[in-house]
Each structure stands twice: as C-alpha cells, then as structure tokens.
C-alpha cells in the first residue's frame, strides 16, 4: 500500500495534536491531501480509470467540507493548514 502506518503517524504528529489524534480536522485534511495527490498521479497514467476518478472527486469534496468547517469554527487554524499544505481555494 502507498501509505504505511508510520507515515500516517507522521501526518498525525505533524498536523494533529499527537500521533493518536486521528479525529482533528487538520490531520484528516492532511491525509485527504496526500490521497488526492496519489490518485492524481495515478489518473495521469491511467486516463480511463473512471472509478478512481469518481473516488477522487469524492475525496476533494470531503476535504472541501472539512476546510469549510474549519474556516467557520476558527479561521487561524484554517489559514495555518492552508499554508502548511499549500492548498488554494
């Protein structure tokens, strides 16, 4: 698999509060961003993989909803995660 347990723990410690903080919006957004970049690379090679394309669209919308939630509850955390992951709206 492309994402090991150690890599996930690294995401959680970098963007969450600890390595066991899997529920914070920042950690989930970081994981979704990693999966989105992985699937985008896959779709560049396999242009007719429509199942993966649908999954990618779903992941982008989940990430967008989490970012909107984070923007509404605390704008500073939203700006920090946008800057760290270099995502644009």
C-alpha atoms as a PDB file:
ATOM      1  CA  UNK A   1       0.000   0.000   0.000  1.00  0.00           C
ATOM      2  CA  UNK A   2       1.175   3.506  -0.688  1.00  0.00           C
ATOM      3  CA  UNK A   3       0.607   4.766   2.873  1.00  0.00           C
ATOM      4  CA  UNK A   4       2.167   2.886   5.774  1.00  0.00           C
ATOM      5  CA  UNK A   5       1.241   3.110   9.443  1.00  0.00           C
ATOM      6  CA  UNK A   6       4.418   5.046  10.205  1.00  0.00           C
ATOM      7  CA  UNK A   7       3.604   7.587   7.504  1.00  0.00           C
ATOM      8  CA  UNK A   8       0.101   8.057   8.936  1.00  0.00           C
ATOM      9  CA  UNK A   9       1.526   8.586  12.426  1.00  0.00           C
ATOM     10  CA  UNK A  10       3.878  11.163  10.949  1.00  0.00           C
ATOM     11  CA  UNK A  11       0.918  13.034   9.447  1.00  0.00           C
ATOM     12  CA  UNK A  12      -0.939  12.908  12.769  1.00  0.00           C
ATOM     13  CA  UNK A  13       2.028  14.228  14.756  1.00  0.00           C
ATOM     14  CA  UNK A  14       2.754  16.945  12.186  1.00  0.00           C
ATOM     15  CA  UNK A  15      -0.780  18.215  11.709  1.00  0.00           C
ATOM     16  CA  UNK A  16      -2.669  16.869  14.745  1.00  0.00           C
ATOM     17  CA  UNK A  17      -2.001  17.148  18.439  1.00  0.00           C
ATOM     18  CA  UNK A  18      -0.320  13.750  18.812  1.00  0.00           C
ATOM     19  CA  UNK A  19       0.247  10.570  16.827  1.00  0.00           C
ATOM     20  CA  UNK A  20      -3.061   9.197  18.140  1.00  0.00           C
ATOM     21  CA  UNK A  21      -5.058  12.312  17.193  1.00  0.00           C
ATOM     22  CA  UNK A  22      -6.852  10.907  14.157  1.00  0.00           C
ATOM     23  CA  UNK A  23     -10.035  12.928  14.514  1.00  0.00           C
ATOM     24  CA  UNK A  24      -8.820  16.502  14.263  1.00  0.00           C
ATOM     25  CA  UNK A  25      -9.810  18.278  11.053  1.00  0.00           C
ATOM     26  CA  UNK A  26      -6.192  19.234  10.333  1.00  0.00           C
ATOM     27  CA  UNK A  27      -5.000  15.615  10.420  1.00  0.00           C
ATOM     28  CA  UNK A  28      -7.879  14.447   8.242  1.00  0.00           C
ATOM     29  CA  UNK A  29      -7.286  17.232   5.726  1.00  0.00           C
ATOM     30  CA  UNK A  30      -3.594  16.280   5.555  1.00  0.00           C
ATOM     31  CA  UNK A  31      -4.466  12.626   4.899  1.00  0.00           C
ATOM     32  CA  UNK A  32      -7.033  13.565   2.263  1.00  0.00           C
ATOM     33  CA  UNK A  33      -4.488  15.824   0.569  1.00  0.00           C
ATOM     34  CA  UNK A  34      -1.956  13.006   0.461  1.00  0.00           C
ATOM     35  CA  UNK A  35      -4.521  10.620  -1.032  1.00  0.00           C
ATOM     36  CA  UNK A  36      -5.615  13.242  -3.560  1.00  0.00           C
ATOM     37  CA  UNK A  37      -2.054  13.760  -4.808  1.00  0.00           C
ATOM     38  CA  UNK A  38      -1.557   9.989  -5.020  1.00  0.00           C
ATOM     39  CA  UNK A  39      -4.767   9.485  -7.006  1.00  0.00           C
ATOM     40  CA  UNK A  40      -3.990  12.429  -9.273  1.00  0.00           C
ATOM     41  CA  UNK A  41      -0.676  10.825 -10.215  1.00  0.00           C
ATOM     42  CA  UNK A  42      -2.462   7.523 -10.836  1.00  0.00           C
ATOM     43  CA  UNK A  43      -5.009   9.199 -13.102  1.00  0.00           C
ATOM     44  CA  UNK A  44      -2.292  10.886 -15.151  1.00  0.00           C
ATOM     45  CA  UNK A  45      -1.057   7.424 -16.119  1.00  0.00           C
ATOM     46  CA  UNK A  46      -4.453   5.666 -16.313  1.00  0.00           C
ATOM     47  CA  UNK A  47      -6.733   8.155 -18.009  1.00  0.00           C
ATOM     48  CA  UNK A  48      -9.720   5.817 -18.375  1.00  0.00           C
ATOM     49  CA  UNK A  49      -9.926   4.682 -14.742  1.00  0.00           C
ATOM     50  CA  UNK A  50     -13.326   6.189 -14.047  1.00  0.00           C
ATOM     51  CA  UNK A  51     -13.793   4.505 -10.662  1.00  0.00           C
ATOM     52  CA  UNK A  52     -10.696   6.197  -9.344  1.00  0.00           C
ATOM     53  CA  UNK A  53     -11.846   9.454 -10.903  1.00  0.00           C
ATOM     54  CA  UNK A  54     -15.127   9.249  -9.006  1.00  0.00           C
ATOM     55  CA  UNK A  55     -13.286   8.451  -5.760  1.00  0.00           C
ATOM     56  CA  UNK A  56     -11.005  11.448  -6.339  1.00  0.00           C
ATOM     57  CA  UNK A  57     -13.972  13.774  -6.758  1.00  0.00           C
ATOM     58  CA  UNK A  58     -15.453  12.414  -3.523  1.00  0.00           C
ATOM     59  CA  UNK A  59     -12.191  12.982  -1.641  1.00  0.00           C
ATOM     60  CA  UNK A  60     -11.907  16.538  -2.918  1.00  0.00           C
ATOM     61  CA  UNK A  61     -15.449  17.290  -1.764  1.00  0.00           C
ATOM     62  CA  UNK A  62     -14.812  15.733   1.684  1.00  0.00           C
ATOM     63  CA  UNK A  63     -11.684  17.836   2.062  1.00  0.00           C
ATOM     64  CA  UNK A  64     -13.574  20.946   0.962  1.00  0.00           C
ATOM     65  CA  UNK A  65     -16.296  20.317   3.557  1.00  0.00           C
ATOM     66  CA  UNK A  66     -13.696  19.870   6.302  1.00  0.00           C
ATOM     67  CA  UNK A  67     -11.934  23.059   5.229  1.00  0.00           C
ATOM     68  CA  UNK A  68     -15.228  24.961   5.280  1.00  0.00           C
ATOM     69  CA  UNK A  69     -15.957  23.603   8.766  1.00  0.00           C
ATOM     70  CA  UNK A  70     -12.528  24.633   9.988  1.00  0.00           C
ATOM     71  CA  UNK A  71     -12.918  28.087   8.448  1.00  0.00           C
ATOM     72  CA  UNK A  72     -16.204  28.626  10.277  1.00  0.00           C
ATOM     73  CA  UNK A  73     -15.048  27.453  13.717  1.00  0.00           C
ATOM     74  CA  UNK A  74     -11.564  29.014  13.779  1.00  0.00           C
ATOM     75  CA  UNK A  75     -10.095  30.999  10.896  1.00  0.00           C
ATOM     76  CA  UNK A  76      -6.498  30.916  12.232  1.00  0.00           C
ATOM     77  CA  UNK A  77      -6.342  27.119  12.154  1.00  0.00           C
ATOM     78  CA  UNK A  78      -7.771  27.217   8.630  1.00  0.00           C
ATOM     79  CA  UNK A  79      -5.105  29.644   7.436  1.00  0.00           C
ATOM     80  CA  UNK A  80      -2.354  27.613   9.080  1.00  0.00           C
ATOM     81  CA  UNK A  81      -3.377  24.336   7.424  1.00  0.00           C
ATOM     82  CA  UNK A  82      -3.787  26.040   4.044  1.00  0.00           C
ATOM     83  CA  UNK A  83      -0.273  27.465   4.334  1.00  0.00           C
ATOM     84  CA  UNK A  84       1.323  24.201   5.539  1.00  0.00           C
ATOM     85  CA  UNK A  85      -0.235  22.070   2.795  1.00  0.00           C
ATOM     86  CA  UNK A  86      -0.056  24.818   0.158  1.00  0.00           C
ATOM     87  CA  UNK A  87      -3.680  24.322  -0.857  1.00  0.00           C
ATOM     88  CA  UNK A  88      -5.560  27.049  -2.612  1.00  0.00           C
ATOM     89  CA  UNK A  89      -9.291  27.609  -2.566  1.00  0.00           C
END
